[in-house]
Structure formats: C-alpha cells, structure tokens
C-alpha cells in the first residue's frame, strides 16, 4: 500500500519508541493496526460496490461486446495471425537457405576453375612468345606477384 521497506519501518519504530515511550508503544501499534485494517476493509467494500454498480448498469456486458467485436477472429484476421506465427518460426537454414549456400559454393568453384584456366592460358602464351631459351622453361610467376623488372632480366 505505502511501499515501505524494512529500513523505513525500523526508523519509524525508533522514532515512535523515542516519542511515545516504551510503556505506551504496544498500545500505539495496536491502534495503528486497527486503523490499517479498517482502511483496507473500507477500500474492499468500495471496490465491491463499484463492481456491483457496473454489473447492474451492464458495463461488463458492453466491454465484453467491444472485446468480441475487435477480436481478430471476428474481423477475419485468423489467416494473418497464422502467417505471422509461421514467419516467426522461419529459419534461414530451411531449404531455400541450403540452396543458396550450395549455389554460392558452386559459383566459387566455377570462379576458381576459370582463374586456373586463365593462368594456364597465360603461361602457354608466354611460352609460345618466348624464344627457345631459358625463359621457356622457367615457371610462370604467381598471379599475385609483380612482373619482373627489366633490370633483373639484364643480369
């Protein structure tokens, strides 16, 4: 009701002990307890009277009618509700997700094979263009390596 913690109750008890005195303190607590009990009883009786008045005027029936009118079942939104539930349960690891992973792997394999063929073709062209000397037998440079500079070829 008042949301008092143990520290607040302890502080109130110490102040009451000092102000009222140890002799009259039990009588004070008894009277406070009775007052709180009466206040709770009055609040309970008030809420019962309000509920009874609402029942007599038909407010509960009207609120029930409004709730029924705005329910998704009466508005024909059952299909939408089911669709949202199935969408919430969707996982990217379904068939579509697996197919996309497979396609990505296949595309990577094709790309790697094409790169390998291009390197082989470049190496074959380099060998055919080179005079029959030592360069024809030299291995092809790595694709990431820079081409040799003319100064190193003179040596």
C-alpha atoms as a PDB file:
ATOM      1  CA  UNK A   1       0.000   0.000   0.000  1.00  0.00           C
ATOM      2  CA  UNK A   2       2.591   2.610   1.096  1.00  0.00           C
ATOM      3  CA  UNK A   3       5.581   0.582  -0.159  1.00  0.00           C
ATOM      4  CA  UNK A   4       7.687   0.852   2.985  1.00  0.00           C
ATOM      5  CA  UNK A   5      10.885  -1.132   3.277  1.00  0.00           C
ATOM      6  CA  UNK A   6      12.477  -2.628   6.387  1.00  0.00           C
ATOM      7  CA  UNK A   7      14.760   0.350   6.918  1.00  0.00           C
ATOM      8  CA  UNK A   8      11.835   2.799   6.838  1.00  0.00           C
ATOM      9  CA  UNK A   9       9.839   0.640   9.271  1.00  0.00           C
ATOM     10  CA  UNK A  10      12.824   0.409  11.595  1.00  0.00           C
ATOM     11  CA  UNK A  11      13.283   4.188  11.510  1.00  0.00           C
ATOM     12  CA  UNK A  12       9.572   4.743  12.230  1.00  0.00           C
ATOM     13  CA  UNK A  13       9.746   2.261  15.120  1.00  0.00           C
ATOM     14  CA  UNK A  14      12.788   4.006  16.672  1.00  0.00           C
ATOM     15  CA  UNK A  15      11.158   7.443  16.353  1.00  0.00           C
ATOM     16  CA  UNK A  16       7.921   6.073  17.870  1.00  0.00           C
ATOM     17  CA  UNK A  17       9.892   4.499  20.729  1.00  0.00           C
ATOM     18  CA  UNK A  18      11.558   7.824  21.485  1.00  0.00           C
ATOM     19  CA  UNK A  19       8.441   9.994  21.098  1.00  0.00           C
ATOM     20  CA  UNK A  20       5.803   7.718  22.694  1.00  0.00           C
ATOM     21  CA  UNK A  21       7.971   5.799  25.103  1.00  0.00           C
ATOM     22  CA  UNK A  22       8.360   2.081  25.721  1.00  0.00           C
ATOM     23  CA  UNK A  23       5.315   1.886  28.007  1.00  0.00           C
ATOM     24  CA  UNK A  24       2.705   3.149  25.513  1.00  0.00           C
ATOM     25  CA  UNK A  25       4.313   1.704  22.359  1.00  0.00           C
ATOM     26  CA  UNK A  26       2.294  -1.591  22.247  1.00  0.00           C
ATOM     27  CA  UNK A  27      -0.976   0.344  22.578  1.00  0.00           C
ATOM     28  CA  UNK A  28       0.081   2.651  19.722  1.00  0.00           C
ATOM     29  CA  UNK A  29       0.961  -0.274  17.431  1.00  0.00           C
ATOM     30  CA  UNK A  30      -2.346  -1.981  18.246  1.00  0.00           C
ATOM     31  CA  UNK A  31      -4.318   1.172  17.357  1.00  0.00           C
ATOM     32  CA  UNK A  32      -2.340   1.670  14.128  1.00  0.00           C
ATOM     33  CA  UNK A  33      -3.045  -1.962  13.168  1.00  0.00           C
ATOM     34  CA  UNK A  34      -6.767  -1.488  13.760  1.00  0.00           C
ATOM     35  CA  UNK A  35      -6.758   1.706  11.684  1.00  0.00           C
ATOM     36  CA  UNK A  36      -4.962  -0.016   8.770  1.00  0.00           C
ATOM     37  CA  UNK A  37      -7.394  -2.947   8.964  1.00  0.00           C
ATOM     38  CA  UNK A  38     -10.397  -0.611   8.866  1.00  0.00           C
ATOM     39  CA  UNK A  39      -8.923   1.308   5.907  1.00  0.00           C
ATOM     40  CA  UNK A  40      -8.387  -1.932   3.962  1.00  0.00           C
ATOM     41  CA  UNK A  41     -11.930  -3.053   4.761  1.00  0.00           C
ATOM     42  CA  UNK A  42     -13.340   0.254   3.520  1.00  0.00           C
ATOM     43  CA  UNK A  43     -11.307   0.007   0.295  1.00  0.00           C
ATOM     44  CA  UNK A  44     -12.503  -3.570  -0.250  1.00  0.00           C
ATOM     45  CA  UNK A  45     -16.126  -2.539   0.328  1.00  0.00           C
ATOM     46  CA  UNK A  46     -15.756   0.401  -2.080  1.00  0.00           C
ATOM     47  CA  UNK A  47     -14.355  -1.793  -4.865  1.00  0.00           C
ATOM     48  CA  UNK A  48     -17.177  -4.335  -4.335  1.00  0.00           C
ATOM     49  CA  UNK A  49     -19.778  -1.557  -4.547  1.00  0.00           C
ATOM     50  CA  UNK A  50     -18.225  -0.293  -7.795  1.00  0.00           C
ATOM     51  CA  UNK A  51     -18.200  -3.783  -9.327  1.00  0.00           C
ATOM     52  CA  UNK A  52     -21.816  -4.302  -8.295  1.00  0.00           C
ATOM     53  CA  UNK A  53     -22.842  -0.959  -9.817  1.00  0.00           C
ATOM     54  CA  UNK A  54     -21.021  -1.887 -13.054  1.00  0.00           C
ATOM     55  CA  UNK A  55     -22.840  -5.215 -13.153  1.00  0.00           C
ATOM     56  CA  UNK A  56     -26.201  -3.533 -12.646  1.00  0.00           C
ATOM     57  CA  UNK A  57     -25.658  -0.979 -15.409  1.00  0.00           C
ATOM     58  CA  UNK A  58     -24.388  -3.557 -17.893  1.00  0.00           C
ATOM     59  CA  UNK A  59     -20.898  -2.129 -18.297  1.00  0.00           C
ATOM     60  CA  UNK A  60     -19.330  -5.593 -18.159  1.00  0.00           C
ATOM     61  CA  UNK A  61     -21.601  -6.822 -20.932  1.00  0.00           C
ATOM     62  CA  UNK A  62     -20.743  -3.789 -23.057  1.00  0.00           C
ATOM     63  CA  UNK A  63     -16.996  -4.271 -22.560  1.00  0.00           C
ATOM     64  CA  UNK A  64     -17.385  -7.943 -23.432  1.00  0.00           C
ATOM     65  CA  UNK A  65     -19.237  -6.940 -26.595  1.00  0.00           C
ATOM     66  CA  UNK A  66     -16.488  -4.477 -27.557  1.00  0.00           C
ATOM     67  CA  UNK A  67     -13.820  -7.090 -26.987  1.00  0.00           C
ATOM     68  CA  UNK A  68     -15.738  -9.579 -29.105  1.00  0.00           C
ATOM     69  CA  UNK A  69     -16.170  -7.037 -31.905  1.00  0.00           C
ATOM     70  CA  UNK A  70     -12.475  -6.216 -32.014  1.00  0.00           C
ATOM     71  CA  UNK A  71     -11.210  -9.777 -31.808  1.00  0.00           C
ATOM     72  CA  UNK A  72      -9.108 -10.943 -34.747  1.00  0.00           C
ATOM     73  CA  UNK A  73     -11.386 -13.940 -35.257  1.00  0.00           C
ATOM     74  CA  UNK A  74     -14.453 -11.784 -35.860  1.00  0.00           C
ATOM     75  CA  UNK A  75     -12.538  -9.427 -38.151  1.00  0.00           C
ATOM     76  CA  UNK A  76     -11.323 -12.317 -40.315  1.00  0.00           C
ATOM     77  CA  UNK A  77      -7.675 -11.903 -39.420  1.00  0.00           C
ATOM     78  CA  UNK A  78      -7.071 -15.537 -38.472  1.00  0.00           C
ATOM     79  CA  UNK A  79      -5.072 -16.116 -41.657  1.00  0.00           C
ATOM     80  CA  UNK A  80      -2.848 -13.124 -40.945  1.00  0.00           C
ATOM     81  CA  UNK A  81      -2.249 -14.306 -37.415  1.00  0.00           C
ATOM     82  CA  UNK A  82      -1.271 -17.790 -38.627  1.00  0.00           C
ATOM     83  CA  UNK A  83       1.031 -16.295 -41.251  1.00  0.00           C
ATOM     84  CA  UNK A  84       2.816 -14.177 -38.659  1.00  0.00           C
ATOM     85  CA  UNK A  85       3.284 -17.235 -36.462  1.00  0.00           C
ATOM     86  CA  UNK A  86       4.796 -19.189 -39.345  1.00  0.00           C
ATOM     87  CA  UNK A  87       7.036 -16.226 -40.207  1.00  0.00           C
ATOM     88  CA  UNK A  88       8.284 -16.063 -36.623  1.00  0.00           C
ATOM     89  CA  UNK A  89       9.251 -19.738 -36.888  1.00  0.00           C
ATOM     90  CA  UNK A  90      11.127 -19.180 -40.187  1.00  0.00           C
ATOM     91  CA  UNK A  91      14.767 -20.142 -40.158  1.00  0.00           C
ATOM     92  CA  UNK A  92      17.407 -19.309 -42.772  1.00  0.00           C
ATOM     93  CA  UNK A  93      18.572 -22.930 -42.591  1.00  0.00           C
ATOM     94  CA  UNK A  94      15.464 -24.072 -44.430  1.00  0.00           C
ATOM     95  CA  UNK A  95      15.559 -25.475 -47.958  1.00  0.00           C
ATOM     96  CA  UNK A  96      15.990 -22.027 -49.507  1.00  0.00           C
ATOM     97  CA  UNK A  97      18.931 -21.224 -47.249  1.00  0.00           C
ATOM     98  CA  UNK A  98      20.625 -24.512 -48.068  1.00  0.00           C
ATOM     99  CA  UNK A  99      20.108 -23.975 -51.800  1.00  0.00           C
ATOM    100  CA  UNK A 100      21.641 -20.516 -51.624  1.00  0.00           C
ATOM    101  CA  UNK A 101      24.702 -21.910 -49.803  1.00  0.00           C
ATOM    102  CA  UNK A 102      25.060 -24.641 -52.432  1.00  0.00           C
ATOM    103  CA  UNK A 103      24.813 -22.102 -55.244  1.00  0.00           C
ATOM    104  CA  UNK A 104      27.445 -19.902 -53.606  1.00  0.00           C
ATOM    105  CA  UNK A 105      29.802 -22.890 -53.316  1.00  0.00           C
ATOM    106  CA  UNK A 106      29.213 -23.830 -56.968  1.00  0.00           C
ATOM    107  CA  UNK A 107      29.859 -20.251 -58.082  1.00  0.00           C
ATOM    108  CA  UNK A 108      33.129 -20.204 -56.120  1.00  0.00           C
ATOM    109  CA  UNK A 109      34.215 -23.481 -57.770  1.00  0.00           C
ATOM    110  CA  UNK A 110      33.427 -22.093 -61.222  1.00  0.00           C
ATOM    111  CA  UNK A 111      35.330 -18.883 -60.458  1.00  0.00           C
ATOM    112  CA  UNK A 112      38.366 -20.823 -59.206  1.00  0.00           C
ATOM    113  CA  UNK A 113      38.337 -23.107 -62.263  1.00  0.00           C
ATOM    114  CA  UNK A 114      38.118 -20.116 -64.610  1.00  0.00           C
ATOM    115  CA  UNK A 115      41.032 -18.425 -62.825  1.00  0.00           C
ATOM    116  CA  UNK A 116      43.093 -21.597 -63.103  1.00  0.00           C
ATOM    117  CA  UNK A 117      42.350 -21.902 -66.838  1.00  0.00           C
ATOM    118  CA  UNK A 118      43.312 -18.250 -67.362  1.00  0.00           C
ATOM    119  CA  UNK A 119      46.645 -18.814 -65.626  1.00  0.00           C
ATOM    120  CA  UNK A 120      47.325 -21.893 -67.722  1.00  0.00           C
ATOM    121  CA  UNK A 121      46.479 -19.968 -70.906  1.00  0.00           C
ATOM    122  CA  UNK A 122      48.744 -17.072 -69.907  1.00  0.00           C
ATOM    123  CA  UNK A 123      51.567 -19.479 -69.190  1.00  0.00           C
ATOM    124  CA  UNK A 124      51.084 -21.203 -72.570  1.00  0.00           C
ATOM    125  CA  UNK A 125      51.085 -17.837 -74.362  1.00  0.00           C
ATOM    126  CA  UNK A 126      54.223 -16.767 -72.530  1.00  0.00           C
ATOM    127  CA  UNK A 127      55.997 -19.970 -73.522  1.00  0.00           C
ATOM    128  CA  UNK A 128      54.985 -19.636 -77.159  1.00  0.00           C
ATOM    129  CA  UNK A 129      56.135 -15.982 -77.307  1.00  0.00           C
ATOM    130  CA  UNK A 130      59.472 -16.646 -75.616  1.00  0.00           C
ATOM    131  CA  UNK A 131      62.493 -17.541 -77.738  1.00  0.00           C
ATOM    132  CA  UNK A 132      63.662 -21.111 -77.200  1.00  0.00           C
ATOM    133  CA  UNK A 133      65.990 -20.050 -74.342  1.00  0.00           C
ATOM    134  CA  UNK A 134      65.830 -20.367 -70.574  1.00  0.00           C
ATOM    135  CA  UNK A 135      62.669 -18.336 -70.213  1.00  0.00           C
ATOM    136  CA  UNK A 136      60.624 -21.011 -71.915  1.00  0.00           C
ATOM    137  CA  UNK A 137      61.471 -23.487 -69.175  1.00  0.00           C
ATOM    138  CA  UNK A 138      61.038 -21.001 -66.297  1.00  0.00           C
ATOM    139  CA  UNK A 139      57.913 -21.418 -64.172  1.00  0.00           C
ATOM    140  CA  UNK A 140      55.119 -18.885 -64.569  1.00  0.00           C
ATOM    141  CA  UNK A 141      55.008 -16.105 -61.982  1.00  0.00           C
ATOM    142  CA  UNK A 142      52.351 -16.307 -59.293  1.00  0.00           C
ATOM    143  CA  UNK A 143      49.207 -14.312 -60.159  1.00  0.00           C
ATOM    144  CA  UNK A 144      49.682 -12.004 -57.147  1.00  0.00           C
ATOM    145  CA  UNK A 145      53.398 -11.374 -57.839  1.00  0.00           C
ATOM    146  CA  UNK A 146      54.520  -8.253 -59.683  1.00  0.00           C
ATOM    147  CA  UNK A 147      56.016  -8.745 -63.157  1.00  0.00           C
ATOM    148  CA  UNK A 148      59.825  -8.890 -63.201  1.00  0.00           C
ATOM    149  CA  UNK A 149      61.561  -5.583 -63.742  1.00  0.00           C
ATOM    150  CA  UNK A 150      63.808  -5.059 -66.782  1.00  0.00           C
ATOM    151  CA  UNK A 151      66.846  -4.555 -64.531  1.00  0.00           C
ATOM    152  CA  UNK A 152      66.602  -8.135 -63.204  1.00  0.00           C
ATOM    153  CA  UNK A 153      66.301  -9.527 -66.744  1.00  0.00           C
ATOM    154  CA  UNK A 154      69.672  -7.976 -67.757  1.00  0.00           C
ATOM    155  CA  UNK A 155      71.551  -9.923 -65.137  1.00  0.00           C
END
